Amino acid sequence: MTSLIPPAKTPRLSIEYCTGCRWLLRAAWMAQELLTTFEKELAEVALQPGSGGVFRVELDGELLWDRKADGGFPDIKLLKQRVRDRVAPQRSLGHSDGAVS
């Protein structure tokens, strides 16, 4: 009989986007970028429909980006850096590690 060892818990990232503003494609593109970059570090990336101009990115409940508070949408380079700093701080992002303008 084989014993099943549960996999180590990895983080859950969520992107809440405004459906009325039609931001699904932006949210889906960011989800794809993050899943591609952090395929081993993230357990899942969830897209959550919202309203009222919302665009928020959270990692295990920690707010990484809020469109209203942070003044717009995150640059993907900056978002990747913020995710990396929490899930794999020792990891290099290559060209994405340069300064964000």
PDB file of N, CA and C in Angstrom:
ATOM      1  N   MET A   1       0.840  -1.181   0.000  1.00  0.00           N
ATOM      2  CA  MET A   1       0.000   0.000   0.000  1.00  0.00           C
ATOM      3  C   MET A   1       0.884   1.243   0.000  1.00  0.00           C
ATOM      4  N   THR A   2       0.613   2.130  -0.895  1.00  0.00           N
ATOM      5  CA  THR A   2       1.399   3.369  -1.000  1.00  0.00           C
ATOM      6  C   THR A   2       0.786   4.440  -0.108  1.00  0.00           C
ATOM      7  N   SER A   3       1.648   5.135   0.584  1.00  0.00           N
ATOM      8  CA  SER A   3       1.117   6.225   1.409  1.00  0.00           C
ATOM      9  C   SER A   3       1.149   7.518   0.603  1.00  0.00           C
ATOM     10  N   LEU A   4       0.075   8.240   0.685  1.00  0.00           N
ATOM     11  CA  LEU A   4      -0.020   9.510  -0.037  1.00  0.00           C
ATOM     12  C   LEU A   4       0.467  10.630   0.859  1.00  0.00           C
ATOM     13  N   ILE A   5       1.448  11.337   0.394  1.00  0.00           N
ATOM     14  CA  ILE A   5       1.964  12.489   1.118  1.00  0.00           C
ATOM     15  C   ILE A   5       1.365  13.721   0.480  1.00  0.00           C
ATOM     16  N   PRO A   6       0.648  14.521   1.273  1.00  0.00           N
ATOM     17  CA  PRO A   6       0.044  15.722   0.677  1.00  0.00           C
ATOM     18  C   PRO A   6       1.127  16.670   0.176  1.00  0.00           C
ATOM     19  N   PRO A   7       0.882  17.305  -0.951  1.00  0.00           N
ATOM     20  CA  PRO A   7       1.869  18.242  -1.484  1.00  0.00           C
ATOM     21  C   PRO A   7       2.013  19.443  -0.553  1.00  0.00           C
ATOM     22  N   ALA A   8       3.202  20.023  -0.575  1.00  0.00           N
ATOM     23  CA  ALA A   8       3.433  21.225   0.227  1.00  0.00           C
ATOM     24  C   ALA A   8       2.512  22.333  -0.273  1.00  0.00           C
ATOM     25  N   LYS A   9       1.957  23.070   0.665  1.00  0.00           N
ATOM     26  CA  LYS A   9       1.042  24.154   0.288  1.00  0.00           C
ATOM     27  C   LYS A   9       1.840  25.269  -0.381  1.00  0.00           C
ATOM     28  N   THR A  10       1.393  25.663  -1.529  1.00  0.00           N
ATOM     29  CA  THR A  10       2.004  26.806  -2.190  1.00  0.00           C
ATOM     30  C   THR A  10       0.969  27.916  -2.265  1.00  0.00           C
ATOM     31  N   PRO A  11       1.380  29.143  -2.473  1.00  0.00           N
ATOM     32  CA  PRO A  11       0.475  30.292  -2.387  1.00  0.00           C
ATOM     33  C   PRO A  11      -0.609  30.347  -3.465  1.00  0.00           C
ATOM     34  N   ARG A  12      -1.682  31.047  -3.094  1.00  0.00           N
ATOM     35  CA  ARG A  12      -2.809  31.309  -3.990  1.00  0.00           C
ATOM     36  C   ARG A  12      -2.831  32.807  -4.294  1.00  0.00           C
ATOM     37  N   LEU A  13      -2.805  33.133  -5.551  1.00  0.00           N
ATOM     38  CA  LEU A  13      -2.869  34.528  -5.986  1.00  0.00           C
ATOM     39  C   LEU A  13      -4.250  34.771  -6.576  1.00  0.00           C
ATOM     40  N   SER A  14      -4.842  35.910  -6.255  1.00  0.00           N
ATOM     41  CA  SER A  14      -6.146  36.243  -6.841  1.00  0.00           C
ATOM     42  C   SER A  14      -6.077  37.620  -7.495  1.00  0.00           C
ATOM     43  N   ILE A  15      -6.767  37.717  -8.598  1.00  0.00           N
ATOM     44  CA  ILE A  15      -6.887  38.992  -9.309  1.00  0.00           C
ATOM     45  C   ILE A  15      -8.378  39.293  -9.403  1.00  0.00           C
ATOM     46  N   GLU A  16      -8.797  40.334  -8.710  1.00  0.00           N
ATOM     47  CA  GLU A  16     -10.187  40.769  -8.775  1.00  0.00           C
ATOM     48  C   GLU A  16     -10.265  41.905  -9.788  1.00  0.00           C
ATOM     49  N   TYR A  17     -11.157  41.796 -10.739  1.00  0.00           N
ATOM     50  CA  TYR A  17     -11.244  42.760 -11.835  1.00  0.00           C
ATOM     51  C   TYR A  17     -12.693  43.205 -12.021  1.00  0.00           C
ATOM     52  N   CYS A  18     -12.878  44.388 -12.565  1.00  0.00           N
ATOM     53  CA  CYS A  18     -14.211  44.949 -12.801  1.00  0.00           C
ATOM     54  C   CYS A  18     -14.777  44.398 -14.116  1.00  0.00           C
ATOM     55  N   THR A  19     -15.924  43.738 -14.014  1.00  0.00           N
ATOM     56  CA  THR A  19     -16.555  43.193 -15.218  1.00  0.00           C
ATOM     57  C   THR A  19     -17.175  44.303 -16.060  1.00  0.00           C
ATOM     58  N   GLY A  20     -17.707  45.333 -15.408  1.00  0.00           N
ATOM     59  CA  GLY A  20     -18.320  46.449 -16.133  1.00  0.00           C
ATOM     60  C   GLY A  20     -17.302  47.235 -16.950  1.00  0.00           C
ATOM     61  N   CYS A  21     -16.070  47.240 -16.485  1.00  0.00           N
ATOM     62  CA  CYS A  21     -14.988  47.951 -17.196  1.00  0.00           C
ATOM     63  C   CYS A  21     -14.344  47.075 -18.264  1.00  0.00           C
ATOM     64  N   ARG A  22     -14.762  45.819 -18.318  1.00  0.00           N
ATOM     65  CA  ARG A  22     -14.229  44.871 -19.309  1.00  0.00           C
ATOM     66  C   ARG A  22     -12.737  44.601 -19.126  1.00  0.00           C
ATOM     67  N   TRP A  23     -12.314  44.374 -17.884  1.00  0.00           N
ATOM     68  CA  TRP A  23     -10.902  44.148 -17.584  1.00  0.00           C
ATOM     69  C   TRP A  23     -10.529  42.675 -17.471  1.00  0.00           C
ATOM     70  N   LEU A  24     -11.417  41.787 -17.926  1.00  0.00           N
ATOM     71  CA  LEU A  24     -11.116  40.356 -17.876  1.00  0.00           C
ATOM     72  C   LEU A  24      -9.855  40.013 -18.668  1.00  0.00           C
ATOM     73  N   LEU A  25      -9.722  40.532 -19.880  1.00  0.00           N
ATOM     74  CA  LEU A  25      -8.545  40.191 -20.694  1.00  0.00           C
ATOM     75  C   LEU A  25      -7.248  40.649 -20.037  1.00  0.00           C
ATOM     76  N   ARG A  26      -7.273  41.833 -19.419  1.00  0.00           N
ATOM     77  CA  ARG A  26      -6.078  42.328 -18.716  1.00  0.00           C
ATOM     78  C   ARG A  26      -5.748  41.401 -17.545  1.00  0.00           C
ATOM     79  N   ALA A  27      -6.771  41.026 -16.780  1.00  0.00           N
ATOM     80  CA  ALA A  27      -6.568  40.138 -15.633  1.00  0.00           C
ATOM     81  C   ALA A  27      -6.061  38.767 -16.089  1.00  0.00           C
ATOM     82  N   ALA A  28      -6.641  38.244 -17.168  1.00  0.00           N
ATOM     83  CA  ALA A  28      -6.237  36.933 -17.681  1.00  0.00           C
ATOM     84  C   ALA A  28      -4.808  36.963 -18.206  1.00  0.00           C
ATOM     85  N   TRP A  29      -4.428  38.043 -18.868  1.00  0.00           N
ATOM     86  CA  TRP A  29      -3.056  38.168 -19.363  1.00  0.00           C
ATOM     87  C   TRP A  29      -2.071  38.199 -18.197  1.00  0.00           C
ATOM     88  N   MET A  30      -2.398  38.970 -17.149  1.00  0.00           N
ATOM     89  CA  MET A  30      -1.515  39.031 -15.977  1.00  0.00           C
ATOM     90  C   MET A  30      -1.435  37.672 -15.294  1.00  0.00           C
ATOM     91  N   ALA A  31      -2.570  36.963 -15.221  1.00  0.00           N
ATOM     92  CA  ALA A  31      -2.576  35.618 -14.638  1.00  0.00           C
ATOM     93  C   ALA A  31      -1.666  34.685 -15.434  1.00  0.00           C
ATOM     94  N   GLN A  32      -1.746  34.764 -16.761  1.00  0.00           N
ATOM     95  CA  GLN A  32      -0.900  33.929 -17.617  1.00  0.00           C
ATOM     96  C   GLN A  32       0.573  34.237 -17.389  1.00  0.00           C
ATOM     97  N   GLU A  33       0.917  35.507 -17.342  1.00  0.00           N
ATOM     98  CA  GLU A  33       2.307  35.911 -17.113  1.00  0.00           C
ATOM     99  C   GLU A  33       2.823  35.390 -15.770  1.00  0.00           C
ATOM    100  N   LEU A  34       2.001  35.512 -14.734  1.00  0.00           N
ATOM    101  CA  LEU A  34       2.424  35.074 -13.401  1.00  0.00           C
ATOM    102  C   LEU A  34       2.513  33.559 -13.313  1.00  0.00           C
ATOM    103  N   LEU A  35       1.580  32.849 -13.929  1.00  0.00           N
ATOM    104  CA  LEU A  35       1.646  31.384 -13.929  1.00  0.00           C
ATOM    105  C   LEU A  35       2.840  30.869 -14.725  1.00  0.00           C
ATOM    106  N   THR A  36       3.168  31.547 -15.796  1.00  0.00           N
ATOM    107  CA  THR A  36       4.323  31.140 -16.599  1.00  0.00           C
ATOM    108  C   THR A  36       5.622  31.367 -15.826  1.00  0.00           C
ATOM    109  N   THR A  37       5.717  32.507 -15.170  1.00  0.00           N
ATOM    110  CA  THR A  37       6.932  32.855 -14.428  1.00  0.00           C
ATOM    111  C   THR A  37       7.070  32.043 -13.143  1.00  0.00           C
ATOM    112  N   PHE A  38       5.961  31.811 -12.446  1.00  0.00           N
ATOM    113  CA  PHE A  38       6.001  31.153 -11.134  1.00  0.00           C
ATOM    114  C   PHE A  38       5.256  29.824 -11.154  1.00  0.00           C
ATOM    115  N   GLU A  39       5.494  29.012 -12.184  1.00  0.00           N
ATOM    116  CA  GLU A  39       4.754  27.766 -12.347  1.00  0.00           C
ATOM    117  C   GLU A  39       4.965  26.781 -11.201  1.00  0.00           C
ATOM    118  N   LYS A  40       6.112  26.837 -10.549  1.00  0.00           N
ATOM    119  CA  LYS A  40       6.378  25.918  -9.435  1.00  0.00           C
ATOM    120  C   LYS A  40       6.078  26.551  -8.084  1.00  0.00           C
ATOM    121  N   GLU A  41       5.994  27.864  -8.028  1.00  0.00           N
ATOM    122  CA  GLU A  41       5.821  28.560  -6.751  1.00  0.00           C
ATOM    123  C   GLU A  41       4.367  28.861  -6.395  1.00  0.00           C
ATOM    124  N   LEU A  42       3.491  28.935  -7.385  1.00  0.00           N
ATOM    125  CA  LEU A  42       2.089  29.268  -7.127  1.00  0.00           C
ATOM    126  C   LEU A  42       1.211  28.030  -7.245  1.00  0.00           C
ATOM    127  N   ALA A  43       0.306  27.852  -6.287  1.00  0.00           N
ATOM    128  CA  ALA A  43      -0.635  26.740  -6.350  1.00  0.00           C
ATOM    129  C   ALA A  43      -1.743  27.043  -7.348  1.00  0.00           C
ATOM    130  N   GLU A  44      -2.148  28.314  -7.380  1.00  0.00           N
ATOM    131  CA  GLU A  44      -3.205  28.701  -8.311  1.00  0.00           C
ATOM    132  C   GLU A  44      -3.227  30.212  -8.464  1.00  0.00           C
ATOM    133  N   VAL A  45      -3.830  30.624  -9.561  1.00  0.00           N
ATOM    134  CA  VAL A  45      -4.137  32.033  -9.784  1.00  0.00           C
ATOM    135  C   VAL A  45      -5.615  32.072 -10.114  1.00  0.00           C
ATOM    136  N   ALA A  46      -6.372  32.792  -9.296  1.00  0.00           N
ATOM    137  CA  ALA A  46      -7.818  32.863  -9.461  1.00  0.00           C
ATOM    138  C   ALA A  46      -8.216  34.218 -10.026  1.00  0.00           C
ATOM    139  N   LEU A  47      -9.175  34.209 -10.929  1.00  0.00           N
ATOM    140  CA  LEU A  47      -9.761  35.435 -11.459  1.00  0.00           C
ATOM    141  C   LEU A  47     -11.118  35.620 -10.793  1.00  0.00           C
ATOM    142  N   GLN A  48     -11.304  36.773 -10.145  1.00  0.00           N
ATOM    143  CA  GLN A  48     -12.533  37.039  -9.413  1.00  0.00           C
ATOM    144  C   GLN A  48     -13.258  38.231 -10.011  1.00  0.00           C
ATOM    145  N   PRO A  49     -14.437  38.012 -10.577  1.00  0.00           N
ATOM    146  CA  PRO A  49     -15.219  39.129 -11.111  1.00  0.00           C
ATOM    147  C   PRO A  49     -15.623  40.087  -9.996  1.00  0.00           C
ATOM    148  N   GLY A  50     -15.547  41.374 -10.284  1.00  0.00           N
ATOM    149  CA  GLY A  50     -15.937  42.402  -9.331  1.00  0.00           C
ATOM    150  C   GLY A  50     -16.628  43.535 -10.055  1.00  0.00           C
ATOM    151  N   SER A  51     -16.803  44.636  -9.356  1.00  0.00           N
ATOM    152  CA  SER A  51     -17.456  45.793  -9.955  1.00  0.00           C
ATOM    153  C   SER A  51     -16.886  47.070  -9.350  1.00  0.00           C
ATOM    154  N   GLY A  52     -17.352  48.205  -9.850  1.00  0.00           N
ATOM    155  CA  GLY A  52     -16.943  49.482  -9.291  1.00  0.00           C
ATOM    156  C   GLY A  52     -15.530  49.898  -9.621  1.00  0.00           C
ATOM    157  N   GLY A  53     -14.997  49.426 -10.734  1.00  0.00           N
ATOM    158  CA  GLY A  53     -13.654  49.829 -11.144  1.00  0.00           C
ATOM    159  C   GLY A  53     -12.540  49.142 -10.382  1.00  0.00           C
ATOM    160  N   VAL A  54     -12.857  48.004  -9.771  1.00  0.00           N
ATOM    161  CA  VAL A  54     -11.863  47.301  -8.966  1.00  0.00           C
ATOM    162  C   VAL A  54     -10.843  46.580  -9.840  1.00  0.00           C
ATOM    163  N   PHE A  55      -9.586  46.626  -9.409  1.00  0.00           N
ATOM    164  CA  PHE A  55      -8.531  45.780  -9.961  1.00  0.00           C
ATOM    165  C   PHE A  55      -7.521  45.596  -8.830  1.00  0.00           C
ATOM    166  N   ARG A  56      -7.637  44.455  -8.153  1.00  0.00           N
ATOM    167  CA  ARG A  56      -6.803  44.166  -6.987  1.00  0.00           C
ATOM    168  C   ARG A  56      -6.102  42.838  -7.172  1.00  0.00           C
ATOM    169  N   VAL A  57      -4.853  42.791  -6.728  1.00  0.00           N
ATOM    170  CA  VAL A  57      -4.075  41.561  -6.774  1.00  0.00           C
ATOM    171  C   VAL A  57      -3.669  41.224  -5.341  1.00  0.00           C
ATOM    172  N   GLU A  58      -4.011  40.012  -4.917  1.00  0.00           N
ATOM    173  CA  GLU A  58      -3.681  39.562  -3.568  1.00  0.00           C
ATOM    174  C   GLU A  58      -2.970  38.221  -3.624  1.00  0.00           C
ATOM    175  N   LEU A  59      -2.044  38.033  -2.695  1.00  0.00           N
ATOM    176  CA  LEU A  59      -1.327  36.771  -2.556  1.00  0.00           C
ATOM    177  C   LEU A  59      -1.593  36.256  -1.151  1.00  0.00           C
ATOM    178  N   ASP A  60      -2.340  35.161  -1.043  1.00  0.00           N
ATOM    179  CA  ASP A  60      -2.739  34.616   0.258  1.00  0.00           C
ATOM    180  C   ASP A  60      -3.319  35.689   1.171  1.00  0.00           C
ATOM    181  N   GLY A  61      -4.148  36.552   0.607  1.00  0.00           N
ATOM    182  CA  GLY A  61      -4.813  37.581   1.391  1.00  0.00           C
ATOM    183  C   GLY A  61      -4.018  38.863   1.571  1.00  0.00           C
ATOM    184  N   GLU A  62      -2.754  38.868   1.179  1.00  0.00           N
ATOM    185  CA  GLU A  62      -1.930  40.076   1.288  1.00  0.00           C
ATOM    186  C   GLU A  62      -2.087  40.901   0.011  1.00  0.00           C
ATOM    187  N   LEU A  63      -2.462  42.148   0.170  1.00  0.00           N
ATOM    188  CA  LEU A  63      -2.662  43.023  -0.981  1.00  0.00           C
ATOM    189  C   LEU A  63      -1.329  43.384  -1.623  1.00  0.00           C
ATOM    190  N   LEU A  64      -1.186  43.052  -2.906  1.00  0.00           N
ATOM    191  CA  LEU A  64       0.019  43.406  -3.657  1.00  0.00           C
ATOM    192  C   LEU A  64      -0.214  44.639  -4.532  1.00  0.00           C
ATOM    193  N   TRP A  65      -1.457  44.804  -4.988  1.00  0.00           N
ATOM    194  CA  TRP A  65      -1.760  45.936  -5.861  1.00  0.00           C
ATOM    195  C   TRP A  65      -3.243  46.262  -5.775  1.00  0.00           C
ATOM    196  N   ASP A  66      -3.554  47.545  -5.707  1.00  0.00           N
ATOM    197  CA  ASP A  66      -4.931  48.029  -5.760  1.00  0.00           C
ATOM    198  C   ASP A  66      -4.948  49.216  -6.715  1.00  0.00           C
ATOM    199  N   ARG A  67      -5.690  49.081  -7.805  1.00  0.00           N
ATOM    200  CA  ARG A  67      -5.715  50.113  -8.836  1.00  0.00           C
ATOM    201  C   ARG A  67      -6.076  51.478  -8.271  1.00  0.00           C
ATOM    202  N   LYS A  68      -7.033  51.533  -7.389  1.00  0.00           N
ATOM    203  CA  LYS A  68      -7.473  52.819  -6.843  1.00  0.00           C
ATOM    204  C   LYS A  68      -6.419  53.424  -5.919  1.00  0.00           C
ATOM    205  N   ALA A  69      -5.847  52.630  -5.039  1.00  0.00           N
ATOM    206  CA  ALA A  69      -4.851  53.127  -4.086  1.00  0.00           C
ATOM    207  C   ALA A  69      -3.498  53.394  -4.749  1.00  0.00           C
ATOM    208  N   ASP A  70      -3.133  52.544  -5.722  1.00  0.00           N
ATOM    209  CA  ASP A  70      -1.813  52.641  -6.341  1.00  0.00           C
ATOM    210  C   ASP A  70      -1.794  53.459  -7.622  1.00  0.00           C
ATOM    211  N   GLY A  71      -2.949  53.962  -8.031  1.00  0.00           N
ATOM    212  CA  GLY A  71      -2.997  54.863  -9.181  1.00  0.00           C
ATOM    213  C   GLY A  71      -2.854  54.196 -10.525  1.00  0.00           C
ATOM    214  N   GLY A  72      -3.694  53.240 -10.830  1.00  0.00           N
ATOM    215  CA  GLY A  72      -3.671  52.614 -12.149  1.00  0.00           C
ATOM    216  C   GLY A  72      -3.352  51.136 -12.064  1.00  0.00           C
ATOM    217  N   PHE A  73      -2.955  50.597 -13.189  1.00  0.00           N
ATOM    218  CA  PHE A  73      -2.651  49.177 -13.281  1.00  0.00           C
ATOM    219  C   PHE A  73      -1.163  48.945 -13.046  1.00  0.00           C
ATOM    220  N   PRO A  74      -0.824  47.781 -12.496  1.00  0.00           N
ATOM    221  CA  PRO A  74       0.592  47.501 -12.267  1.00  0.00           C
ATOM    222  C   PRO A  74       1.314  47.174 -13.566  1.00  0.00           C
ATOM    223  N   ASP A  75       2.536  47.617 -13.668  1.00  0.00           N
ATOM    224  CA  ASP A  75       3.421  47.160 -14.731  1.00  0.00           C
ATOM    225  C   ASP A  75       3.720  45.694 -14.425  1.00  0.00           C
ATOM    226  N   ILE A  76       3.704  44.832 -15.417  1.00  0.00           N
ATOM    227  CA  ILE A  76       3.892  43.403 -15.167  1.00  0.00           C
ATOM    228  C   ILE A  76       5.252  43.131 -14.521  1.00  0.00           C
ATOM    229  N   LYS A  77       6.253  43.921 -14.866  1.00  0.00           N
ATOM    230  CA  LYS A  77       7.580  43.761 -14.272  1.00  0.00           C
ATOM    231  C   LYS A  77       7.519  43.991 -12.755  1.00  0.00           C
ATOM    232  N   LEU A  78       6.839  45.050 -12.340  1.00  0.00           N
ATOM    233  CA  LEU A  78       6.702  45.364 -10.922  1.00  0.00           C
ATOM    234  C   LEU A  78       5.878  44.288 -10.212  1.00  0.00           C
ATOM    235  N   LEU A  79       4.808  43.843 -10.836  1.00  0.00           N
ATOM    236  CA  LEU A  79       3.978  42.818 -10.225  1.00  0.00           C
ATOM    237  C   LEU A  79       4.759  41.519 -10.037  1.00  0.00           C
ATOM    238  N   LYS A  80       5.529  41.131 -11.031  1.00  0.00           N
ATOM    239  CA  LYS A  80       6.359  39.926 -10.912  1.00  0.00           C
ATOM    240  C   LYS A  80       7.372  40.076  -9.783  1.00  0.00           C
ATOM    241  N   GLN A  81       7.947  41.254  -9.645  1.00  0.00           N
ATOM    242  CA  GLN A  81       8.908  41.482  -8.566  1.00  0.00           C
ATOM    243  C   GLN A  81       8.236  41.347  -7.200  1.00  0.00           C
ATOM    244  N   ARG A  82       7.032  41.894  -7.071  1.00  0.00           N
ATOM    245  CA  ARG A  82       6.324  41.810  -5.791  1.00  0.00           C
ATOM    246  C   ARG A  82       5.945  40.370  -5.454  1.00  0.00           C
ATOM    247  N   VAL A  83       5.518  39.613  -6.443  1.00  0.00           N
ATOM    248  CA  VAL A  83       5.199  38.206  -6.213  1.00  0.00           C
ATOM    249  C   VAL A  83       6.475  37.446  -5.866  1.00  0.00           C
ATOM    250  N   ARG A  84       7.522  37.645  -6.629  1.00  0.00           N
ATOM    251  CA  ARG A  84       8.804  36.969  -6.377  1.00  0.00           C
ATOM    252  C   ARG A  84       9.319  37.256  -4.973  1.00  0.00           C
ATOM    253  N   ASP A  85       9.232  38.509  -4.529  1.00  0.00           N
ATOM    254  CA  ASP A  85       9.741  38.883  -3.212  1.00  0.00           C
ATOM    255  C   ASP A  85       9.050  38.106  -2.095  1.00  0.00           C
ATOM    256  N   ARG A  86       7.853  37.601  -2.356  1.00  0.00           N
ATOM    257  CA  ARG A  86       7.117  36.861  -1.342  1.00  0.00           C
ATOM    258  C   ARG A  86       7.209  35.351  -1.504  1.00  0.00           C
ATOM    259  N   VAL A  87       7.292  34.860  -2.727  1.00  0.00           N
ATOM    260  CA  VAL A  87       7.273  33.402  -2.924  1.00  0.00           C
ATOM    261  C   VAL A  87       8.645  32.791  -3.186  1.00  0.00           C
ATOM    262  N   ALA A  88       9.593  33.580  -3.686  1.00  0.00           N
ATOM    263  CA  ALA A  88      10.935  33.058  -4.001  1.00  0.00           C
ATOM    264  C   ALA A  88      11.946  34.198  -3.990  1.00  0.00           C
ATOM    265  N   PRO A  89      12.179  34.814  -2.820  1.00  0.00           N
ATOM    266  CA  PRO A  89      13.010  36.029  -2.765  1.00  0.00           C
ATOM    267  C   PRO A  89      14.431  35.862  -3.302  1.00  0.00           C
ATOM    268  N   GLN A  90      14.959  34.658  -3.288  1.00  0.00           N
ATOM    269  CA  GLN A  90      16.316  34.433  -3.772  1.00  0.00           C
ATOM    270  C   GLN A  90      16.395  34.303  -5.289  1.00  0.00           C
ATOM    271  N   ARG A  91      15.252  34.179  -5.932  1.00  0.00           N
ATOM    272  CA  ARG A  91      15.195  33.910  -7.371  1.00  0.00           C
ATOM    273  C   ARG A  91      15.426  35.164  -8.202  1.00  0.00           C
ATOM    274  N   SER A  92      16.194  35.002  -9.262  1.00  0.00           N
ATOM    275  CA  SER A  92      16.398  36.092 -10.217  1.00  0.00           C
ATOM    276  C   SER A  92      15.292  36.047 -11.266  1.00  0.00           C
ATOM    277  N   LEU A  93      14.833  37.224 -11.660  1.00  0.00           N
ATOM    278  CA  LEU A  93      13.842  37.317 -12.725  1.00  0.00           C
ATOM    279  C   LEU A  93      14.483  37.729 -14.048  1.00  0.00           C
ATOM    280  N   GLY A  94      15.783  37.670 -14.116  1.00  0.00           N
ATOM    281  CA  GLY A  94      16.474  38.038 -15.346  1.00  0.00           C
ATOM    282  C   GLY A  94      16.253  39.491 -15.690  1.00  0.00           C
ATOM    283  N   HIS A  95      15.826  39.769 -16.916  1.00  0.00           N
ATOM    284  CA  HIS A  95      15.649  41.154 -17.361  1.00  0.00           C
ATOM    285  C   HIS A  95      14.561  41.877 -16.576  1.00  0.00           C
ATOM    286  N   SER A  96      13.672  41.139 -15.924  1.00  0.00           N
ATOM    287  CA  SER A  96      12.607  41.776 -15.135  1.00  0.00           C
ATOM    288  C   SER A  96      13.102  42.292 -13.784  1.00  0.00           C
ATOM    289  N   ASP A  97      14.374  42.038 -13.476  1.00  0.00           N
ATOM    290  CA  ASP A  97      14.926  42.529 -12.216  1.00  0.00           C
ATOM    291  C   ASP A  97      15.462  43.953 -12.312  1.00  0.00           C
ATOM    292  N   GLY A  98      15.479  44.512 -13.509  1.00  0.00           N
ATOM    293  CA  GLY A  98      15.945  45.889 -13.665  1.00  0.00           C
ATOM    294  C   GLY A  98      14.985  46.869 -13.011  1.00  0.00           C
ATOM    295  N   ALA A  99      15.373  48.085 -12.925  1.00  0.00           N
ATOM    296  CA  ALA A  99      14.533  49.126 -12.313  1.00  0.00           C
ATOM    297  C   ALA A  99      13.242  49.301 -13.097  1.00  0.00           C
ATOM    298  N   VAL A 100      12.167  49.529 -12.367  1.00  0.00           N
ATOM    299  CA  VAL A 100      10.863  49.792 -12.992  1.00  0.00           C
ATOM    300  C   VAL A 100      10.749  51.284 -13.174  1.00  0.00           C
ATOM    301  N   SER A 101      10.414  51.719 -14.411  1.00  0.00           N
ATOM    302  CA  SER A 101      10.307  53.164 -14.652  1.00  0.00           C
ATOM    303  C   SER A 101       8.924  53.665 -14.435  1.00  0.00           C
TER     304      SER A 101
END
